[in-house]
Amino acid sequence: MGLLKNLLKAVAGDAIDKLKENLEQTVKTAAPQPQRPVQAAPERKAEAPERSAAEWQAYFRDIIHSTFPGYVVRENVPVTDIAGFAASECQLYKTRPRKVYKAEWGQPYSFVLYQGAAPAAVVMLGGGHSHDANVKYLVARMFAKQSGLPYINFYTQMPNERDYVVSRINKFL
């Protein structure tokens, strides 16, 4: 038994030595890897100017009043002004069919454009993409949809250049 162990050690030792030699030889003769060219950092898109909520409201107010003079514009309109009170209910989630939301729970619309006495479109300002998942905004969106009104959403962390704002509102009107 001892002879067999010694024989295995010798064979294994020779195999390991040969593997080491082959590995060293391969490393020495391997061609150097070509380096990838360094890419310049991507150009950053224009960032939204630092504005407070009141400044964003004033910015959009100016754009809407100057570009859409044929509409009467109201600000911070409660959802109930469009959908009514407790008689209006909606369901937001298919996974919770018994959960009913009422119009008075919705986030007030930033702007509502009226043509004559009838509302024509809703413009909503929100800080960040996460406001899309906020129940208050979801309720407001659902009641705008139920009322047949376009719901035009703008994120205040984006630049919202004047031309962009005008073209989006025109698209929905």
N, C-alpha and C. Protein backbone atom coordinates (compact mmCIF):
# COMPACT_ATOMS: atom_id res chain seq x y z
N MET A 1 0.81 -1.18 0.00
CA MET A 1 0.00 0.00 0.00
C MET A 1 0.86 1.26 0.00
N GLY A 2 1.95 1.25 0.76
CA GLY A 2 2.84 2.39 0.83
C GLY A 2 3.50 2.68 -0.51
N LEU A 3 3.82 1.58 -1.25
CA LEU A 3 4.45 1.74 -2.56
C LEU A 3 3.49 2.44 -3.53
N LEU A 4 2.21 2.09 -3.45
CA LEU A 4 1.21 2.70 -4.32
C LEU A 4 1.07 4.18 -4.03
N LYS A 5 1.09 4.54 -2.75
CA LYS A 5 1.00 5.96 -2.38
C LYS A 5 2.18 6.75 -2.92
N ASN A 6 3.37 6.20 -2.76
CA ASN A 6 4.57 6.89 -3.24
C ASN A 6 4.54 7.05 -4.76
N LEU A 7 4.05 6.04 -5.46
CA LEU A 7 3.95 6.10 -6.91
C LEU A 7 2.96 7.18 -7.34
N LEU A 8 1.81 7.25 -6.66
CA LEU A 8 0.80 8.28 -6.99
C LEU A 8 1.34 9.67 -6.72
N LYS A 9 2.06 9.85 -5.61
CA LYS A 9 2.64 11.16 -5.30
C LYS A 9 3.63 11.57 -6.37
N ALA A 10 4.44 10.66 -6.84
CA ALA A 10 5.44 10.97 -7.85
C ALA A 10 4.77 11.35 -9.16
N VAL A 11 3.74 10.59 -9.57
CA VAL A 11 3.04 10.87 -10.83
C VAL A 11 2.32 12.21 -10.72
N ALA A 12 1.61 12.42 -9.62
CA ALA A 12 0.88 13.66 -9.43
C ALA A 12 1.84 14.84 -9.37
N GLY A 13 2.96 14.68 -8.70
CA GLY A 13 3.94 15.76 -8.60
C GLY A 13 4.50 16.12 -9.96
N ASP A 14 4.81 15.08 -10.79
CA ASP A 14 5.30 15.35 -12.14
C ASP A 14 4.24 16.07 -12.97
N ALA A 15 2.98 15.67 -12.85
CA ALA A 15 1.90 16.30 -13.62
C ALA A 15 1.73 17.76 -13.21
N ILE A 16 1.81 18.01 -11.93
CA ILE A 16 1.66 19.40 -11.44
C ILE A 16 2.83 20.25 -11.92
N ASP A 17 4.03 19.71 -11.87
CA ASP A 17 5.19 20.46 -12.36
C ASP A 17 5.04 20.79 -13.85
N LYS A 18 4.57 19.83 -14.64
CA LYS A 18 4.40 20.07 -16.08
C LYS A 18 3.33 21.13 -16.31
N LEU A 19 2.24 21.08 -15.55
CA LEU A 19 1.19 22.09 -15.69
C LEU A 19 1.72 23.49 -15.37
N LYS A 20 2.52 23.59 -14.33
CA LYS A 20 3.11 24.88 -13.96
C LYS A 20 4.00 25.40 -15.08
N GLU A 21 4.83 24.52 -15.64
CA GLU A 21 5.72 24.92 -16.74
C GLU A 21 4.91 25.40 -17.94
N ASN A 22 3.88 24.64 -18.31
CA ASN A 22 3.04 25.02 -19.46
C ASN A 22 2.35 26.36 -19.22
N LEU A 23 1.88 26.56 -18.00
CA LEU A 23 1.22 27.82 -17.67
C LEU A 23 2.20 28.98 -17.75
N GLU A 24 3.39 28.82 -17.20
CA GLU A 24 4.40 29.89 -17.27
C GLU A 24 4.76 30.19 -18.71
N GLN A 25 4.92 29.16 -19.53
CA GLN A 25 5.28 29.34 -20.94
C GLN A 25 4.16 30.08 -21.69
N THR A 26 2.93 29.71 -21.38
CA THR A 26 1.79 30.35 -22.04
C THR A 26 1.72 31.82 -21.68
N VAL A 27 1.95 32.13 -20.42
CA VAL A 27 1.90 33.53 -19.98
C VAL A 27 3.00 34.34 -20.64
N LYS A 28 4.19 33.77 -20.76
CA LYS A 28 5.32 34.50 -21.36
C LYS A 28 5.10 34.76 -22.84
N THR A 29 4.52 33.79 -23.56
CA THR A 29 4.39 33.94 -25.01
C THR A 29 3.08 34.56 -25.43
N ALA A 30 2.17 34.72 -24.51
CA ALA A 30 0.87 35.30 -24.89
C ALA A 30 1.07 36.74 -25.34
N ALA A 31 0.37 37.08 -26.42
CA ALA A 31 0.45 38.45 -26.93
C ALA A 31 -0.26 39.38 -25.95
N PRO A 32 0.27 40.56 -25.80
CA PRO A 32 -0.40 41.50 -24.89
C PRO A 32 -1.79 41.83 -25.44
N GLN A 33 -2.74 41.93 -24.53
CA GLN A 33 -4.12 42.23 -24.92
C GLN A 33 -4.22 43.68 -25.38
N PRO A 34 -4.84 43.88 -26.53
CA PRO A 34 -5.02 45.27 -26.97
C PRO A 34 -5.96 45.99 -25.99
N GLN A 35 -5.59 47.21 -25.70
CA GLN A 35 -6.41 47.98 -24.78
C GLN A 35 -7.52 48.67 -25.55
N ARG A 36 -8.68 48.67 -24.93
CA ARG A 36 -9.80 49.35 -25.57
C ARG A 36 -9.57 50.86 -25.51
N PRO A 37 -9.95 51.55 -26.59
CA PRO A 37 -9.78 53.00 -26.53
C PRO A 37 -10.68 53.59 -25.45
N VAL A 38 -10.16 54.57 -24.80
CA VAL A 38 -10.91 55.24 -23.74
C VAL A 38 -11.96 56.11 -24.39
N GLN A 39 -13.20 55.89 -23.99
CA GLN A 39 -14.28 56.68 -24.56
C GLN A 39 -14.50 57.92 -23.71
N ALA A 40 -14.81 58.98 -24.39
CA ALA A 40 -15.09 60.22 -23.67
C ALA A 40 -16.42 60.03 -22.93
N ALA A 41 -16.54 60.71 -21.83
CA ALA A 41 -17.77 60.63 -21.06
C ALA A 41 -18.93 61.14 -21.92
N PRO A 42 -20.08 60.48 -21.85
CA PRO A 42 -21.21 60.93 -22.66
C PRO A 42 -21.61 62.34 -22.25
N GLU A 43 -22.05 63.06 -23.25
CA GLU A 43 -22.45 64.44 -23.00
C GLU A 43 -23.74 64.43 -22.20
N ARG A 44 -23.78 65.20 -21.15
CA ARG A 44 -24.96 65.22 -20.29
C ARG A 44 -26.04 66.08 -20.93
N LYS A 45 -27.26 65.60 -20.79
CA LYS A 45 -28.39 66.37 -21.31
C LYS A 45 -28.61 67.56 -20.38
N ALA A 46 -29.29 68.52 -20.93
CA ALA A 46 -29.58 69.71 -20.14
C ALA A 46 -30.37 69.32 -18.90
N GLU A 47 -29.97 69.83 -17.79
CA GLU A 47 -30.67 69.53 -16.55
C GLU A 47 -31.70 70.61 -16.27
N ALA A 48 -32.68 70.24 -15.50
CA ALA A 48 -33.71 71.19 -15.14
C ALA A 48 -33.11 72.27 -14.26
N PRO A 49 -33.49 73.50 -14.52
CA PRO A 49 -33.02 74.55 -13.63
C PRO A 49 -33.57 74.33 -12.23
N GLU A 50 -32.79 74.73 -11.26
CA GLU A 50 -33.23 74.59 -9.86
C GLU A 50 -34.33 75.62 -9.61
N ARG A 51 -35.55 75.11 -9.43
CA ARG A 51 -36.69 75.98 -9.18
C ARG A 51 -37.51 75.40 -8.04
N SER A 52 -38.14 76.26 -7.32
CA SER A 52 -39.05 75.81 -6.27
C SER A 52 -40.38 75.44 -6.92
N ALA A 53 -41.26 74.83 -6.16
CA ALA A 53 -42.59 74.47 -6.67
C ALA A 53 -43.34 75.72 -7.13
N ALA A 54 -43.21 76.80 -6.39
CA ALA A 54 -43.90 78.05 -6.76
C ALA A 54 -43.33 78.62 -8.06
N GLU A 55 -42.01 78.50 -8.24
CA GLU A 55 -41.39 79.00 -9.48
C GLU A 55 -41.82 78.16 -10.69
N TRP A 56 -41.91 76.83 -10.51
CA TRP A 56 -42.41 75.98 -11.59
C TRP A 56 -43.85 76.35 -11.93
N GLN A 57 -44.66 76.58 -10.92
CA GLN A 57 -46.06 76.96 -11.14
C GLN A 57 -46.13 78.27 -11.93
N ALA A 58 -45.31 79.24 -11.56
CA ALA A 58 -45.30 80.53 -12.27
C ALA A 58 -44.80 80.37 -13.71
N TYR A 59 -43.80 79.52 -13.90
CA TYR A 59 -43.25 79.26 -15.24
C TYR A 59 -44.32 78.68 -16.16
N PHE A 60 -45.03 77.66 -15.67
CA PHE A 60 -46.09 77.05 -16.49
C PHE A 60 -47.27 78.00 -16.67
N ARG A 61 -47.58 78.77 -15.65
CA ARG A 61 -48.67 79.75 -15.75
C ARG A 61 -48.38 80.71 -16.89
N ASP A 62 -47.16 81.22 -16.94
CA ASP A 62 -46.77 82.17 -17.98
C ASP A 62 -46.89 81.53 -19.37
N ILE A 63 -46.40 80.32 -19.52
CA ILE A 63 -46.46 79.63 -20.82
C ILE A 63 -47.91 79.41 -21.24
N ILE A 64 -48.73 78.90 -20.34
CA ILE A 64 -50.12 78.58 -20.69
C ILE A 64 -50.92 79.83 -21.00
N HIS A 65 -50.78 80.88 -20.19
CA HIS A 65 -51.54 82.11 -20.42
C HIS A 65 -51.12 82.80 -21.72
N SER A 66 -49.82 82.80 -22.00
CA SER A 66 -49.36 83.52 -23.20
C SER A 66 -49.57 82.73 -24.49
N THR A 67 -49.55 81.40 -24.41
CA THR A 67 -49.64 80.58 -25.62
C THR A 67 -51.05 80.12 -25.92
N PHE A 68 -51.89 80.01 -24.93
CA PHE A 68 -53.25 79.50 -25.11
C PHE A 68 -54.28 80.52 -24.60
N PRO A 69 -54.34 81.69 -25.25
CA PRO A 69 -55.24 82.74 -24.76
C PRO A 69 -56.72 82.40 -24.94
N GLY A 70 -57.05 81.43 -25.78
CA GLY A 70 -58.45 81.06 -26.00
C GLY A 70 -59.03 80.22 -24.88
N TYR A 71 -58.22 79.90 -23.89
CA TYR A 71 -58.68 79.07 -22.78
C TYR A 71 -58.66 79.87 -21.48
N VAL A 72 -59.64 79.59 -20.64
CA VAL A 72 -59.62 80.12 -19.28
C VAL A 72 -58.84 79.10 -18.47
N VAL A 73 -57.91 79.59 -17.67
CA VAL A 73 -57.04 78.69 -16.91
C VAL A 73 -57.28 78.88 -15.42
N ARG A 74 -57.53 77.76 -14.74
CA ARG A 74 -57.64 77.77 -13.29
C ARG A 74 -56.50 76.95 -12.73
N GLU A 75 -56.02 77.34 -11.56
CA GLU A 75 -54.90 76.64 -10.92
C GLU A 75 -55.36 75.93 -9.66
N ASN A 76 -54.63 74.85 -9.34
CA ASN A 76 -54.88 74.06 -8.13
C ASN A 76 -56.36 73.71 -7.97
N VAL A 77 -56.89 73.12 -9.01
CA VAL A 77 -58.31 72.78 -9.06
C VAL A 77 -58.52 71.43 -8.36
N PRO A 78 -59.38 71.39 -7.34
CA PRO A 78 -59.65 70.11 -6.69
C PRO A 78 -60.28 69.12 -7.67
N VAL A 79 -59.98 67.87 -7.50
CA VAL A 79 -60.51 66.82 -8.38
C VAL A 79 -62.03 66.83 -8.34
N THR A 80 -62.60 67.16 -7.20
CA THR A 80 -64.05 67.17 -7.06
C THR A 80 -64.71 68.23 -7.94
N ASP A 81 -63.99 69.28 -8.31
CA ASP A 81 -64.56 70.28 -9.22
C ASP A 81 -64.81 69.67 -10.60
N ILE A 82 -64.07 68.64 -10.94
CA ILE A 82 -64.23 67.98 -12.23
C ILE A 82 -65.15 66.76 -12.09
N ALA A 83 -64.94 65.95 -11.06
CA ALA A 83 -65.61 64.66 -10.94
C ALA A 83 -66.82 64.67 -10.00
N GLY A 84 -66.95 65.67 -9.19
CA GLY A 84 -68.02 65.66 -8.20
C GLY A 84 -67.53 65.07 -6.89
N PHE A 85 -68.45 64.96 -5.91
CA PHE A 85 -68.07 64.48 -4.59
C PHE A 85 -68.33 63.00 -4.42
N ALA A 86 -68.77 62.58 -3.27
CA ALA A 86 -68.82 61.19 -2.82
C ALA A 86 -69.47 60.22 -3.81
N ALA A 87 -70.36 60.70 -4.68
CA ALA A 87 -70.99 59.80 -5.64
C ALA A 87 -69.97 59.26 -6.64
N SER A 88 -68.86 59.96 -6.80
CA SER A 88 -67.83 59.54 -7.75
C SER A 88 -66.81 58.66 -7.03
N GLU A 89 -66.63 57.46 -7.56
CA GLU A 89 -65.64 56.54 -6.99
C GLU A 89 -64.92 55.85 -8.14
N CYS A 90 -63.70 55.41 -7.87
CA CYS A 90 -62.96 54.68 -8.89
C CYS A 90 -62.15 53.58 -8.23
N GLN A 91 -61.79 52.59 -9.02
CA GLN A 91 -60.92 51.52 -8.55
C GLN A 91 -59.61 51.64 -9.32
N LEU A 92 -58.50 51.68 -8.61
CA LEU A 92 -57.20 51.86 -9.25
C LEU A 92 -56.50 50.55 -9.55
N TYR A 93 -56.69 49.58 -8.70
CA TYR A 93 -55.91 48.36 -8.80
C TYR A 93 -56.80 47.15 -9.04
N LYS A 94 -56.44 46.34 -10.00
CA LYS A 94 -57.18 45.11 -10.25
C LYS A 94 -56.94 44.09 -9.14
N THR A 95 -55.80 44.21 -8.48
CA THR A 95 -55.47 43.26 -7.42
C THR A 95 -56.25 43.51 -6.14
N ARG A 96 -56.83 44.69 -6.01
CA ARG A 96 -57.64 45.00 -4.82
C ARG A 96 -59.00 45.54 -5.29
N PRO A 97 -59.86 44.66 -5.81
CA PRO A 97 -61.09 45.13 -6.43
C PRO A 97 -62.07 45.81 -5.47
N ARG A 98 -61.96 45.53 -4.19
CA ARG A 98 -62.89 46.15 -3.24
C ARG A 98 -62.40 47.51 -2.75
N LYS A 99 -61.19 47.88 -3.06
CA LYS A 99 -60.63 49.15 -2.60
C LYS A 99 -61.12 50.26 -3.53
N VAL A 100 -61.91 51.16 -3.00
CA VAL A 100 -62.51 52.23 -3.79
C VAL A 100 -61.92 53.56 -3.35
N TYR A 101 -61.61 54.39 -4.31
CA TYR A 101 -61.04 55.71 -4.04
C TYR A 101 -62.05 56.77 -4.45
N LYS A 102 -62.07 57.83 -3.68
CA LYS A 102 -63.01 58.92 -3.94
C LYS A 102 -62.28 60.12 -4.51
N ALA A 103 -63.00 60.92 -5.25
CA ALA A 103 -62.41 62.07 -5.94
C ALA A 103 -61.73 63.03 -4.96
N GLU A 104 -62.31 63.18 -3.77
CA GLU A 104 -61.73 64.14 -2.83
C GLU A 104 -60.37 63.71 -2.30
N TRP A 105 -59.98 62.47 -2.59
CA TRP A 105 -58.66 61.99 -2.18
C TRP A 105 -57.58 62.32 -3.20
N GLY A 106 -57.95 62.86 -4.33
CA GLY A 106 -56.98 63.12 -5.40
C GLY A 106 -56.16 64.38 -5.19
N GLN A 107 -54.99 64.40 -5.81
CA GLN A 107 -54.12 65.57 -5.81
C GLN A 107 -54.78 66.66 -6.66
N PRO A 108 -54.91 67.88 -6.15
CA PRO A 108 -55.50 68.94 -6.98
C PRO A 108 -54.72 69.11 -8.29
N TYR A 109 -55.45 69.36 -9.36
CA TYR A 109 -54.82 69.56 -10.67
C TYR A 109 -54.05 70.88 -10.66
N SER A 110 -52.83 70.86 -11.17
CA SER A 110 -52.02 72.08 -11.20
C SER A 110 -52.70 73.15 -12.04
N PHE A 111 -53.19 72.75 -13.23
CA PHE A 111 -53.89 73.67 -14.12
C PHE A 111 -55.02 72.91 -14.81
N VAL A 112 -56.14 73.58 -14.98
CA VAL A 112 -57.21 73.05 -15.82
C VAL A 112 -57.53 74.13 -16.84
N LEU A 113 -57.49 73.74 -18.11
CA LEU A 113 -57.82 74.66 -19.19
C LEU A 113 -59.29 74.47 -19.53
N TYR A 114 -60.05 75.56 -19.51
CA TYR A 114 -61.47 75.52 -19.80
C TYR A 114 -61.72 76.21 -21.13
N GLN A 115 -62.61 75.63 -21.91
CA GLN A 115 -63.06 76.28 -23.13
C GLN A 115 -64.54 76.56 -22.91
N GLY A 116 -64.86 77.83 -22.75
CA GLY A 116 -66.20 78.18 -22.31
C GLY A 116 -66.31 77.77 -20.85
N ALA A 117 -67.38 77.06 -20.50
CA ALA A 117 -67.56 76.62 -19.12
C ALA A 117 -67.09 75.18 -18.91
N ALA A 118 -66.72 74.51 -20.00
CA ALA A 118 -66.35 73.10 -19.90
C ALA A 118 -64.83 72.92 -19.83
N PRO A 119 -64.38 72.03 -18.95
CA PRO A 119 -62.94 71.75 -18.90
C PRO A 119 -62.49 71.05 -20.19
N ALA A 120 -61.31 71.44 -20.69
CA ALA A 120 -60.79 70.88 -21.95
C ALA A 120 -59.56 70.01 -21.73
N ALA A 121 -58.75 70.31 -20.70
CA ALA A 121 -57.54 69.54 -20.44
C ALA A 121 -57.04 69.82 -19.04
N VAL A 122 -56.27 68.84 -18.53
CA VAL A 122 -55.66 68.96 -17.22
C VAL A 122 -54.15 68.94 -17.40
N VAL A 123 -53.46 69.87 -16.73
CA VAL A 123 -52.00 69.87 -16.72
C VAL A 123 -51.57 69.64 -15.28
N MET A 124 -50.73 68.61 -15.11
CA MET A 124 -50.30 68.25 -13.75
C MET A 124 -48.79 68.34 -13.66
N LEU A 125 -48.30 69.03 -12.65
CA LEU A 125 -46.86 69.12 -12.38
C LEU A 125 -46.53 68.18 -11.24
N GLY A 126 -45.43 67.48 -11.38
CA GLY A 126 -45.02 66.56 -10.31
C GLY A 126 -43.52 66.53 -10.19
N GLY A 127 -43.04 66.42 -8.98
CA GLY A 127 -41.60 66.38 -8.73
C GLY A 127 -41.08 64.96 -8.71
N GLY A 128 -40.55 64.52 -9.81
CA GLY A 128 -39.95 63.19 -9.88
C GLY A 128 -40.91 62.16 -10.43
N HIS A 129 -40.33 61.09 -10.99
CA HIS A 129 -41.14 60.03 -11.57
C HIS A 129 -41.94 59.29 -10.51
N SER A 130 -41.51 59.36 -9.26
CA SER A 130 -42.20 58.62 -8.21
C SER A 130 -43.59 59.16 -7.96
N HIS A 131 -43.86 60.39 -8.35
CA HIS A 131 -45.21 60.90 -8.09
C HIS A 131 -46.25 60.16 -8.93
N ASP A 132 -45.83 59.50 -10.01
CA ASP A 132 -46.75 58.70 -10.81
C ASP A 132 -47.36 57.55 -10.01
N ALA A 133 -46.64 57.07 -9.01
CA ALA A 133 -47.13 55.95 -8.20
C ALA A 133 -47.87 56.43 -6.95
N ASN A 134 -47.86 57.71 -6.71
CA ASN A 134 -48.53 58.27 -5.54
C ASN A 134 -50.04 58.15 -5.75
N VAL A 135 -50.73 57.64 -4.76
CA VAL A 135 -52.17 57.39 -4.88
C VAL A 135 -52.94 58.67 -5.20
N LYS A 136 -52.54 59.79 -4.61
CA LYS A 136 -53.25 61.04 -4.89
C LYS A 136 -53.20 61.40 -6.37
N TYR A 137 -52.03 61.21 -7.00
CA TYR A 137 -51.89 61.49 -8.43
C TYR A 137 -52.65 60.46 -9.27
N LEU A 138 -52.62 59.21 -8.82
CA LEU A 138 -53.35 58.17 -9.55
C LEU A 138 -54.85 58.43 -9.54
N VAL A 139 -55.36 58.86 -8.40
CA VAL A 139 -56.78 59.19 -8.29
C VAL A 139 -57.10 60.37 -9.21
N ALA A 140 -56.27 61.40 -9.19
CA ALA A 140 -56.50 62.56 -10.05
C ALA A 140 -56.48 62.15 -11.53
N ARG A 141 -55.54 61.31 -11.91
CA ARG A 141 -55.44 60.85 -13.31
C ARG A 141 -56.69 60.03 -13.69
N MET A 142 -57.10 59.14 -12.81
CA MET A 142 -58.25 58.29 -13.10
C MET A 142 -59.51 59.12 -13.31
N PHE A 143 -59.74 60.13 -12.47
CA PHE A 143 -60.94 60.94 -12.61
C PHE A 143 -60.86 61.85 -13.84
N ALA A 144 -59.68 62.27 -14.22
CA ALA A 144 -59.55 63.03 -15.47
C ALA A 144 -59.93 62.12 -16.65
N LYS A 145 -59.44 60.90 -16.60
CA LYS A 145 -59.74 59.92 -17.66
C LYS A 145 -61.24 59.63 -17.71
N GLN A 146 -61.86 59.42 -16.54
CA GLN A 146 -63.30 59.15 -16.49
C GLN A 146 -64.11 60.33 -17.02
N SER A 147 -63.56 61.53 -16.85
CA SER A 147 -64.25 62.73 -17.33
C SER A 147 -63.97 63.01 -18.80
N GLY A 148 -63.12 62.20 -19.40
CA GLY A 148 -62.80 62.39 -20.82
C GLY A 148 -61.82 63.52 -21.07
N LEU A 149 -61.04 63.89 -20.05
CA LEU A 149 -60.09 65.00 -20.20
C LEU A 149 -58.68 64.46 -20.43
N PRO A 150 -57.93 65.10 -21.32
CA PRO A 150 -56.52 64.74 -21.45
C PRO A 150 -55.78 65.12 -20.16
N TYR A 151 -54.95 64.22 -19.70
CA TYR A 151 -54.15 64.43 -18.48
C TYR A 151 -52.71 64.61 -18.95
N ILE A 152 -52.20 65.82 -18.89
CA ILE A 152 -50.86 66.13 -19.40
C ILE A 152 -49.94 66.29 -18.20
N ASN A 153 -48.99 65.39 -18.09
CA ASN A 153 -48.13 65.30 -16.92
C ASN A 153 -46.74 65.85 -17.25
N PHE A 154 -46.20 66.70 -16.40
CA PHE A 154 -44.84 67.22 -16.57
C PHE A 154 -44.04 66.95 -15.29
N TYR A 155 -42.81 66.48 -15.46
CA TYR A 155 -41.91 66.24 -14.33
C TYR A 155 -41.04 67.48 -14.13
N THR A 156 -41.04 68.00 -12.92
CA THR A 156 -40.30 69.24 -12.68
C THR A 156 -38.81 69.04 -12.51
N GLN A 157 -38.32 67.80 -12.53
CA GLN A 157 -36.87 67.60 -12.50
C GLN A 157 -36.30 67.61 -13.92
N MET A 158 -37.18 67.70 -14.93
CA MET A 158 -36.75 67.76 -16.32
C MET A 158 -36.68 69.22 -16.76
N PRO A 159 -35.97 69.50 -17.86
CA PRO A 159 -35.81 70.90 -18.28
C PRO A 159 -37.12 71.60 -18.65
N ASN A 160 -38.06 70.91 -19.30
CA ASN A 160 -39.34 71.50 -19.70
C ASN A 160 -39.16 72.83 -20.44
N GLU A 161 -38.39 72.74 -21.52
CA GLU A 161 -38.21 73.93 -22.36
C GLU A 161 -39.57 74.40 -22.85
N ARG A 162 -39.69 75.67 -23.08
CA ARG A 162 -40.96 76.29 -23.48
C ARG A 162 -41.57 75.60 -24.71
N ASP A 163 -40.75 75.37 -25.74
CA ASP A 163 -41.25 74.74 -26.97
C ASP A 163 -41.80 73.33 -26.69
N TYR A 164 -41.12 72.61 -25.83
CA TYR A 164 -41.56 71.26 -25.47
C TYR A 164 -42.91 71.30 -24.76
N VAL A 165 -43.05 72.20 -23.81
CA VAL A 165 -44.30 72.31 -23.05
C VAL A 165 -45.45 72.67 -24.00
N VAL A 166 -45.22 73.65 -24.87
CA VAL A 166 -46.26 74.08 -25.81
C VAL A 166 -46.65 72.94 -26.75
N SER A 167 -45.66 72.23 -27.28
CA SER A 167 -45.97 71.15 -28.23
C SER A 167 -46.74 70.02 -27.55
N ARG A 168 -46.39 69.68 -26.32
CA ARG A 168 -47.12 68.61 -25.61
C ARG A 168 -48.56 69.01 -25.34
N ILE A 169 -48.77 70.25 -24.91
CA ILE A 169 -50.13 70.68 -24.62
C ILE A 169 -50.93 70.74 -25.93
N ASN A 170 -50.32 71.25 -26.99
CA ASN A 170 -51.01 71.29 -28.29
C ASN A 170 -51.38 69.90 -28.77
N LYS A 171 -50.50 68.94 -28.54
CA LYS A 171 -50.75 67.56 -28.95
C LYS A 171 -52.03 67.02 -28.33
N PHE A 172 -52.28 67.37 -27.07
CA PHE A 172 -53.44 66.86 -26.37
C PHE A 172 -54.70 67.67 -26.64
N LEU A 173 -54.53 68.94 -27.00
CA LEU A 173 -55.70 69.77 -27.28
C LEU A 173 -56.17 69.54 -28.69
